[in-house]
PDB file of N, CA and C in Angstrom:
ATOM      1  N   UNK A   1       0.932 -28.482 -35.007  1.00  0.00           N
ATOM      2  CA  UNK A   1       1.297 -27.082 -34.589  1.00  0.00           C
ATOM      3  C   UNK A   1       1.476 -27.083 -33.078  1.00  0.00           C
ATOM      4  N   UNK A   2       2.651 -26.619 -32.601  1.00  0.00           N
ATOM      5  CA  UNK A   2       2.932 -26.562 -31.177  1.00  0.00           C
ATOM      6  C   UNK A   2       1.981 -25.641 -30.418  1.00  0.00           C
ATOM      7  N   UNK A   3       1.735 -26.011 -29.292  1.00  0.00           N
ATOM      8  CA  UNK A   3       0.891 -25.196 -28.322  1.00  0.00           C
ATOM      9  C   UNK A   3       1.752 -24.073 -27.897  1.00  0.00           C
ATOM     10  N   UNK A   4       1.289 -22.782 -28.053  1.00  0.00           N
ATOM     11  CA  UNK A   4       2.004 -21.622 -27.743  1.00  0.00           C
ATOM     12  C   UNK A   4       2.100 -21.476 -26.241  1.00  0.00           C
ATOM     13  N   UNK A   5       1.070 -21.929 -25.450  1.00  0.00           N
ATOM     14  CA  UNK A   5       1.076 -21.896 -24.041  1.00  0.00           C
ATOM     15  C   UNK A   5       2.161 -22.771 -23.477  1.00  0.00           C
ATOM     16  N   UNK A   6       2.371 -24.008 -24.021  1.00  0.00           N
ATOM     17  CA  UNK A   6       3.418 -24.792 -23.485  1.00  0.00           C
ATOM     18  C   UNK A   6       4.763 -24.313 -23.858  1.00  0.00           C
ATOM     19  N   UNK A   7       5.003 -23.674 -24.928  1.00  0.00           N
ATOM     20  CA  UNK A   7       6.231 -22.981 -25.329  1.00  0.00           C
ATOM     21  C   UNK A   7       6.508 -21.810 -24.333  1.00  0.00           C
ATOM     22  N   UNK A   8       5.549 -21.098 -24.038  1.00  0.00           N
ATOM     23  CA  UNK A   8       5.679 -20.020 -23.010  1.00  0.00           C
ATOM     24  C   UNK A   8       6.083 -20.537 -21.702  1.00  0.00           C
ATOM     25  N   UNK A   9       5.449 -21.536 -21.310  1.00  0.00           N
ATOM     26  CA  UNK A   9       5.805 -22.125 -19.947  1.00  0.00           C
ATOM     27  C   UNK A   9       7.179 -22.700 -19.896  1.00  0.00           C
ATOM     28  N   UNK A  10       7.820 -23.005 -20.976  1.00  0.00           N
ATOM     29  CA  UNK A  10       9.166 -23.560 -20.982  1.00  0.00           C
ATOM     30  C   UNK A  10      10.178 -22.436 -21.193  1.00  0.00           C
ATOM     31  N   UNK A  11       9.852 -21.230 -21.473  1.00  0.00           N
ATOM     32  CA  UNK A  11      10.816 -20.207 -21.556  1.00  0.00           C
ATOM     33  C   UNK A  11      11.622 -19.975 -20.343  1.00  0.00           C
ATOM     34  N   UNK A  12      12.950 -19.793 -20.548  1.00  0.00           N
ATOM     35  CA  UNK A  12      13.756 -19.622 -19.462  1.00  0.00           C
ATOM     36  C   UNK A  12      14.535 -18.271 -19.521  1.00  0.00           C
ATOM     37  N   UNK A  13      14.889 -17.809 -18.438  1.00  0.00           N
ATOM     38  CA  UNK A  13      15.704 -16.554 -18.341  1.00  0.00           C
ATOM     39  C   UNK A  13      17.091 -16.706 -19.052  1.00  0.00           C
ATOM     40  N   UNK A  14      17.585 -15.698 -19.500  1.00  0.00           N
ATOM     41  CA  UNK A  14      18.885 -15.805 -20.117  1.00  0.00           C
ATOM     42  C   UNK A  14      20.031 -16.019 -19.153  1.00  0.00           C
ATOM     43  N   UNK A  15      21.087 -16.696 -19.596  1.00  0.00           N
ATOM     44  CA  UNK A  15      22.098 -17.056 -18.654  1.00  0.00           C
ATOM     45  C   UNK A  15      22.760 -15.784 -17.857  1.00  0.00           C
ATOM     46  N   UNK A  16      22.547 -14.585 -18.456  1.00  0.00           N
ATOM     47  CA  UNK A  16      23.112 -13.473 -17.855  1.00  0.00           C
ATOM     48  C   UNK A  16      22.393 -13.162 -16.502  1.00  0.00           C
ATOM     49  N   UNK A  17      21.243 -13.734 -16.188  1.00  0.00           N
ATOM     50  CA  UNK A  17      20.624 -13.539 -14.882  1.00  0.00           C
ATOM     51  C   UNK A  17      20.982 -14.613 -13.927  1.00  0.00           C
ATOM     52  N   UNK A  18      21.801 -15.622 -14.219  1.00  0.00           N
ATOM     53  CA  UNK A  18      22.233 -16.635 -13.361  1.00  0.00           C
ATOM     54  C   UNK A  18      22.921 -16.054 -12.096  1.00  0.00           C
ATOM     55  N   UNK A  19      23.609 -14.981 -12.153  1.00  0.00           N
ATOM     56  CA  UNK A  19      24.387 -14.435 -10.967  1.00  0.00           C
ATOM     57  C   UNK A  19      23.381 -14.068  -9.895  1.00  0.00           C
ATOM     58  N   UNK A  20      22.129 -13.700 -10.237  1.00  0.00           N
ATOM     59  CA  UNK A  20      21.203 -13.272  -9.246  1.00  0.00           C
ATOM     60  C   UNK A  20      20.181 -14.327  -8.963  1.00  0.00           C
ATOM     61  N   UNK A  21      19.807 -15.188  -9.931  1.00  0.00           N
ATOM     62  CA  UNK A  21      18.798 -16.258  -9.741  1.00  0.00           C
ATOM     63  C   UNK A  21      19.299 -17.306  -8.734  1.00  0.00           C
ATOM     64  N   UNK A  22      20.552 -17.694  -8.874  1.00  0.00           N
ATOM     65  CA  UNK A  22      21.003 -18.703  -7.982  1.00  0.00           C
ATOM     66  C   UNK A  22      21.085 -18.306  -6.471  1.00  0.00           C
ATOM     67  N   UNK A  23      21.567 -17.066  -6.203  1.00  0.00           N
ATOM     68  CA  UNK A  23      21.551 -16.721  -4.821  1.00  0.00           C
ATOM     69  C   UNK A  23      20.150 -16.340  -4.355  1.00  0.00           C
ATOM     70  N   UNK A  24      19.258 -15.913  -5.175  1.00  0.00           N
ATOM     71  CA  UNK A  24      17.810 -15.662  -4.879  1.00  0.00           C
ATOM     72  C   UNK A  24      17.156 -17.002  -4.378  1.00  0.00           C
ATOM     73  N   UNK A  25      17.341 -18.073  -5.229  1.00  0.00           N
ATOM     74  CA  UNK A  25      16.627 -19.279  -4.894  1.00  0.00           C
ATOM     75  C   UNK A  25      17.396 -19.918  -3.630  1.00  0.00           C
ATOM     76  N   UNK A  26      18.701 -19.818  -3.615  1.00  0.00           N
ATOM     77  CA  UNK A  26      19.397 -20.343  -2.401  1.00  0.00           C
ATOM     78  C   UNK A  26      18.967 -19.571  -1.087  1.00  0.00           C
ATOM     79  N   UNK A  27      18.880 -18.325  -1.218  1.00  0.00           N
ATOM     80  CA  UNK A  27      18.481 -17.512   0.016  1.00  0.00           C
ATOM     81  C   UNK A  27      17.086 -17.769   0.394  1.00  0.00           C
ATOM     82  N   UNK A  28      16.177 -18.038  -0.525  1.00  0.00           N
ATOM     83  CA  UNK A  28      14.831 -18.369  -0.132  1.00  0.00           C
ATOM     84  C   UNK A  28      14.761 -19.688   0.579  1.00  0.00           C
ATOM     85  N   UNK A  29      15.391 -20.721   0.023  1.00  0.00           N
ATOM     86  CA  UNK A  29      15.396 -22.024   0.702  1.00  0.00           C
ATOM     87  C   UNK A  29      16.092 -22.096   2.007  1.00  0.00           C
ATOM     88  N   UNK A  30      17.270 -21.556   2.013  1.00  0.00           N
ATOM     89  CA  UNK A  30      18.100 -21.630   3.206  1.00  0.00           C
ATOM     90  C   UNK A  30      17.515 -20.829   4.328  1.00  0.00           C
ATOM     91  N   UNK A  31      16.992 -19.541   4.082  1.00  0.00           N
ATOM     92  CA  UNK A  31      16.333 -18.825   5.055  1.00  0.00           C
ATOM     93  C   UNK A  31      15.097 -19.469   5.646  1.00  0.00           C
ATOM     94  N   UNK A  32      14.397 -20.168   4.713  1.00  0.00           N
ATOM     95  CA  UNK A  32      13.162 -20.837   5.196  1.00  0.00           C
ATOM     96  C   UNK A  32      13.453 -21.959   6.180  1.00  0.00           C
ATOM     97  N   UNK A  33      14.523 -22.794   5.794  1.00  0.00           N
ATOM     98  CA  UNK A  33      14.869 -23.843   6.723  1.00  0.00           C
ATOM     99  C   UNK A  33      15.442 -23.374   8.018  1.00  0.00           C
ATOM    100  N   UNK A  34      16.361 -22.398   7.974  1.00  0.00           N
ATOM    101  CA  UNK A  34      16.987 -21.887   9.182  1.00  0.00           C
ATOM    102  C   UNK A  34      16.023 -21.189  10.026  1.00  0.00           C
ATOM    103  N   UNK A  35      15.153 -20.457   9.486  1.00  0.00           N
ATOM    104  CA  UNK A  35      14.180 -19.734  10.310  1.00  0.00           C
ATOM    105  C   UNK A  35      13.130 -20.655  10.814  1.00  0.00           C
ATOM    106  N   UNK A  36      12.787 -21.714  10.218  1.00  0.00           N
ATOM    107  CA  UNK A  36      11.795 -22.634  10.633  1.00  0.00           C
ATOM    108  C   UNK A  36      12.445 -23.402  11.881  1.00  0.00           C
ATOM    109  N   UNK A  37      13.702 -23.885  11.810  1.00  0.00           N
ATOM    110  CA  UNK A  37      14.369 -24.471  12.860  1.00  0.00           C
ATOM    111  C   UNK A  37      14.412 -23.618  14.050  1.00  0.00           C
ATOM    112  N   UNK A  38      14.885 -22.387  13.835  1.00  0.00           N
ATOM    113  CA  UNK A  38      15.029 -21.400  14.885  1.00  0.00           C
ATOM    114  C   UNK A  38      13.788 -21.092  15.534  1.00  0.00           C
ATOM    115  N   UNK A  39      12.650 -20.900  14.838  1.00  0.00           N
ATOM    116  CA  UNK A  39      11.377 -20.654  15.376  1.00  0.00           C
ATOM    117  C   UNK A  39      10.774 -21.778  16.174  1.00  0.00           C
ATOM    118  N   UNK A  40      11.007 -23.006  15.576  1.00  0.00           N
ATOM    119  CA  UNK A  40      10.459 -24.167  16.318  1.00  0.00           C
ATOM    120  C   UNK A  40      11.337 -24.371  17.629  1.00  0.00           C
ATOM    121  N   UNK A  41      12.632 -24.091  17.589  1.00  0.00           N
ATOM    122  CA  UNK A  41      13.329 -24.207  18.887  1.00  0.00           C
ATOM    123  C   UNK A  41      12.934 -23.191  19.854  1.00  0.00           C
ATOM    124  N   UNK A  42      12.445 -21.990  19.413  1.00  0.00           N
ATOM    125  CA  UNK A  42      12.099 -20.902  20.330  1.00  0.00           C
ATOM    126  C   UNK A  42      10.676 -21.145  20.928  1.00  0.00           C
ATOM    127  N   UNK A  43       9.722 -21.412  20.000  1.00  0.00           N
ATOM    128  CA  UNK A  43       8.289 -21.458  20.411  1.00  0.00           C
ATOM    129  C   UNK A  43       7.821 -22.875  20.532  1.00  0.00           C
ATOM    130  N   UNK A  44       8.521 -23.814  19.893  1.00  0.00           N
ATOM    131  CA  UNK A  44       8.144 -25.170  19.832  1.00  0.00           C
ATOM    132  C   UNK A  44       7.136 -25.466  18.742  1.00  0.00           C
ATOM    133  N   UNK A  45       6.802 -26.621  18.511  1.00  0.00           N
ATOM    134  CA  UNK A  45       5.878 -27.032  17.393  1.00  0.00           C
ATOM    135  C   UNK A  45       4.377 -26.848  17.984  1.00  0.00           C
ATOM    136  N   UNK A  46       4.051 -25.635  18.270  1.00  0.00           N
ATOM    137  CA  UNK A  46       2.699 -25.301  18.608  1.00  0.00           C
ATOM    138  C   UNK A  46       2.026 -24.362  17.745  1.00  0.00           C
ATOM    139  N   UNK A  47       0.816 -23.938  18.081  1.00  0.00           N
ATOM    140  CA  UNK A  47       0.119 -23.054  17.177  1.00  0.00           C
ATOM    141  C   UNK A  47       0.817 -21.768  16.897  1.00  0.00           C
ATOM    142  N   UNK A  48       1.624 -21.311  17.759  1.00  0.00           N
ATOM    143  CA  UNK A  48       2.366 -20.023  17.499  1.00  0.00           C
ATOM    144  C   UNK A  48       3.388 -20.146  16.391  1.00  0.00           C
ATOM    145  N   UNK A  49       3.888 -21.359  16.126  1.00  0.00           N
ATOM    146  CA  UNK A  49       4.827 -21.559  15.064  1.00  0.00           C
ATOM    147  C   UNK A  49       4.301 -20.885  13.742  1.00  0.00           C
ATOM    148  N   UNK A  50       3.090 -21.370  13.361  1.00  0.00           N
ATOM    149  CA  UNK A  50       2.513 -20.911  12.159  1.00  0.00           C
ATOM    150  C   UNK A  50       2.350 -19.410  12.035  1.00  0.00           C
ATOM    151  N   UNK A  51       2.039 -18.764  13.159  1.00  0.00           N
ATOM    152  CA  UNK A  51       1.942 -17.270  13.110  1.00  0.00           C
ATOM    153  C   UNK A  51       3.299 -16.558  13.223  1.00  0.00           C
ATOM    154  N   UNK A  52       4.373 -17.135  13.712  1.00  0.00           N
ATOM    155  CA  UNK A  52       5.576 -16.511  13.955  1.00  0.00           C
ATOM    156  C   UNK A  52       6.624 -16.756  12.864  1.00  0.00           C
ATOM    157  N   UNK A  53       6.537 -18.044  12.296  1.00  0.00           N
ATOM    158  CA  UNK A  53       7.572 -18.348  11.281  1.00  0.00           C
ATOM    159  C   UNK A  53       7.641 -17.498  10.061  1.00  0.00           C
ATOM    160  N   UNK A  54       6.441 -17.124   9.444  1.00  0.00           N
ATOM    161  CA  UNK A  54       6.493 -16.348   8.273  1.00  0.00           C
ATOM    162  C   UNK A  54       7.296 -14.996   8.388  1.00  0.00           C
ATOM    163  N   UNK A  55       7.127 -14.289   9.601  1.00  0.00           N
ATOM    164  CA  UNK A  55       7.823 -13.103   9.877  1.00  0.00           C
ATOM    165  C   UNK A  55       9.334 -13.389  10.054  1.00  0.00           C
ATOM    166  N   UNK A  56       9.686 -14.516  10.831  1.00  0.00           N
ATOM    167  CA  UNK A  56      11.014 -14.825  11.006  1.00  0.00           C
ATOM    168  C   UNK A  56      11.707 -15.137   9.610  1.00  0.00           C
ATOM    169  N   UNK A  57      11.003 -15.882   8.737  1.00  0.00           N
ATOM    170  CA  UNK A  57      11.542 -16.141   7.403  1.00  0.00           C
ATOM    171  C   UNK A  57      11.740 -14.850   6.652  1.00  0.00           C
ATOM    172  N   UNK A  58      10.789 -13.903   6.672  1.00  0.00           N
ATOM    173  CA  UNK A  58      10.958 -12.705   5.815  1.00  0.00           C
ATOM    174  C   UNK A  58      12.162 -11.906   6.345  1.00  0.00           C
ATOM    175  N   UNK A  59      12.357 -11.800   7.638  1.00  0.00           N
ATOM    176  CA  UNK A  59      13.459 -11.132   8.147  1.00  0.00           C
ATOM    177  C   UNK A  59      14.843 -11.724   7.755  1.00  0.00           C
ATOM    178  N   UNK A  60      14.785 -13.124   7.860  1.00  0.00           N
ATOM    179  CA  UNK A  60      15.945 -13.931   7.477  1.00  0.00           C
ATOM    180  C   UNK A  60      16.324 -13.770   5.998  1.00  0.00           C
ATOM    181  N   UNK A  61      15.309 -13.782   5.126  1.00  0.00           N
ATOM    182  CA  UNK A  61      15.533 -13.605   3.733  1.00  0.00           C
ATOM    183  C   UNK A  61      15.981 -12.240   3.389  1.00  0.00           C
ATOM    184  N   UNK A  62      15.462 -11.205   4.003  1.00  0.00           N
ATOM    185  CA  UNK A  62      15.822  -9.820   3.718  1.00  0.00           C
ATOM    186  C   UNK A  62      17.290  -9.614   4.059  1.00  0.00           C
ATOM    187  N   UNK A  63      17.801 -10.267   5.044  1.00  0.00           N
ATOM    188  CA  UNK A  63      19.181 -10.241   5.425  1.00  0.00           C
ATOM    189  C   UNK A  63      20.070 -11.258   4.524  1.00  0.00           C
ATOM    190  N   UNK A  64      19.495 -12.427   4.297  1.00  0.00           N
ATOM    191  CA  UNK A  64      20.255 -13.427   3.680  1.00  0.00           C
ATOM    192  C   UNK A  64      20.453 -13.133   2.153  1.00  0.00           C
ATOM    193  N   UNK A  65      19.586 -12.734   1.400  1.00  0.00           N
ATOM    194  CA  UNK A  65      19.718 -12.436  -0.051  1.00  0.00           C
ATOM    195  C   UNK A  65      20.810 -11.482  -0.300  1.00  0.00           C
ATOM    196  N   UNK A  66      20.814 -10.282   0.162  1.00  0.00           N
ATOM    197  CA  UNK A  66      21.918  -9.321  -0.036  1.00  0.00           C
ATOM    198  C   UNK A  66      23.244  -9.810   0.475  1.00  0.00           C
ATOM    199  N   UNK A  67      23.200 -10.589   1.506  1.00  0.00           N
ATOM    200  CA  UNK A  67      24.494 -11.226   2.022  1.00  0.00           C
ATOM    201  C   UNK A  67      25.071 -12.170   1.107  1.00  0.00           C
ATOM    202  N   UNK A  68      24.162 -12.983   0.473  1.00  0.00           N
ATOM    203  CA  UNK A  68      24.730 -13.955  -0.555  1.00  0.00           C
ATOM    204  C   UNK A  68      25.257 -13.242  -1.771  1.00  0.00           C
ATOM    205  N   UNK A  69      24.634 -12.150  -2.245  1.00  0.00           N
ATOM    206  CA  UNK A  69      25.016 -11.421  -3.369  1.00  0.00           C
ATOM    207  C   UNK A  69      26.447 -10.884  -3.080  1.00  0.00           C
ATOM    208  N   UNK A  70      26.726 -10.315  -1.862  1.00  0.00           N
ATOM    209  CA  UNK A  70      27.960  -9.794  -1.539  1.00  0.00           C
ATOM    210  C   UNK A  70      29.131 -10.887  -1.360  1.00  0.00           C
ATOM    211  N   UNK A  71      28.748 -11.916  -0.630  1.00  0.00           N
ATOM    212  CA  UNK A  71      29.829 -12.936  -0.269  1.00  0.00           C
ATOM    213  C   UNK A  71      30.068 -14.030  -1.371  1.00  0.00           C
ATOM    214  N   UNK A  72      29.208 -14.117  -2.352  1.00  0.00           N
ATOM    215  CA  UNK A  72      29.338 -15.225  -3.322  1.00  0.00           C
ATOM    216  C   UNK A  72      30.676 -15.077  -4.049  1.00  0.00           C
ATOM    217  N   UNK A  73      31.107 -13.929  -4.452  1.00  0.00           N
ATOM    218  CA  UNK A  73      32.406 -13.927  -5.195  1.00  0.00           C
ATOM    219  C   UNK A  73      33.553 -14.364  -4.293  1.00  0.00           C
ATOM    220  N   UNK A  74      33.454 -13.972  -3.037  1.00  0.00           N
ATOM    221  CA  UNK A  74      34.493 -14.437  -2.127  1.00  0.00           C
ATOM    222  C   UNK A  74      34.452 -15.942  -1.870  1.00  0.00           C
ATOM    223  N   UNK A  75      33.283 -16.475  -1.695  1.00  0.00           N
ATOM    224  CA  UNK A  75      33.126 -17.941  -1.549  1.00  0.00           C
ATOM    225  C   UNK A  75      33.672 -18.663  -2.790  1.00  0.00           C
ATOM    226  N   UNK A  76      33.430 -18.163  -3.999  1.00  0.00           N
ATOM    227  CA  UNK A  76      33.925 -18.805  -5.221  1.00  0.00           C
ATOM    228  C   UNK A  76      35.412 -18.851  -5.208  1.00  0.00           C
ATOM    229  N   UNK A  77      36.051 -17.773  -4.836  1.00  0.00           N
ATOM    230  CA  UNK A  77      37.545 -17.702  -4.762  1.00  0.00           C
ATOM    231  C   UNK A  77      38.023 -18.674  -3.678  1.00  0.00           C
ATOM    232  N   UNK A  78      37.420 -18.749  -2.550  1.00  0.00           N
ATOM    233  CA  UNK A  78      37.908 -19.730  -1.580  1.00  0.00           C
ATOM    234  C   UNK A  78      37.715 -21.179  -2.043  1.00  0.00           C
ATOM    235  N   UNK A  79      36.586 -21.469  -2.693  1.00  0.00           N
ATOM    236  CA  UNK A  79      36.357 -22.864  -3.186  1.00  0.00           C
ATOM    237  C   UNK A  79      37.449 -23.142  -4.241  1.00  0.00           C
ATOM    238  N   UNK A  80      37.679 -22.155  -5.116  1.00  0.00           N
ATOM    239  CA  UNK A  80      38.672 -22.352  -6.181  1.00  0.00           C
ATOM    240  C   UNK A  80      40.029 -22.643  -5.579  1.00  0.00           C
ATOM    241  N   UNK A  81      40.375 -22.081  -4.458  1.00  0.00           N
ATOM    242  CA  UNK A  81      41.583 -22.256  -3.879  1.00  0.00           C
ATOM    243  C   UNK A  81      41.786 -23.548  -3.163  1.00  0.00           C
ATOM    244  N   UNK A  82      40.615 -24.148  -2.715  1.00  0.00           N
ATOM    245  CA  UNK A  82      40.562 -25.414  -2.015  1.00  0.00           C
ATOM    246  C   UNK A  82      40.321 -26.614  -2.908  1.00  0.00           C
ATOM    247  N   UNK A  83      39.620 -26.484  -3.941  1.00  0.00           N
ATOM    248  CA  UNK A  83      39.122 -27.555  -4.815  1.00  0.00           C
ATOM    249  C   UNK A  83      39.866 -27.574  -6.146  1.00  0.00           C
ATOM    250  N   UNK A  84      40.445 -28.675  -6.463  1.00  0.00           N
ATOM    251  CA  UNK A  84      41.204 -28.753  -7.810  1.00  0.00           C
ATOM    252  C   UNK A  84      40.108 -28.582  -8.910  1.00  0.00           C
ATOM    253  N   UNK A  85      40.429 -27.764  -9.824  1.00  0.00           N
ATOM    254  CA  UNK A  85      39.560 -27.538 -10.989  1.00  0.00           C
ATOM    255  C   UNK A  85      39.700 -28.591 -12.031  1.00  0.00           C
ATOM    256  N   UNK A  86      38.518 -28.968 -12.707  1.00  0.00           N
ATOM    257  CA  UNK A  86      38.653 -30.031 -13.727  1.00  0.00           C
ATOM    258  C   UNK A  86      39.511 -29.458 -14.921  1.00  0.00           C
ATOM    259  N   UNK A  87      40.155 -30.432 -15.575  1.00  0.00           N
ATOM    260  CA  UNK A  87      40.981 -30.075 -16.680  1.00  0.00           C
ATOM    261  C   UNK A  87      40.214 -30.059 -18.030  1.00  0.00           C
TER     262      UNK A  87
END
């Protein structure tokens, strides 16, 4: 008999949510990296980094996620115009 807990852990979202999950994950990762680099360049790798970076990341993500939602259709069209599609 399969373990119901392991089945629940493997459940995935419906494909209809892909349009929001992809930019959500991308915005989280990208804003984390960019804000970490920007914060490190501003305050250096010192004790202040740990206290300043979370706020910098949050602001970056709040701007980045809606921006990705808005520009993703345009980016897809630009990429489609530049990259040959598989047959």
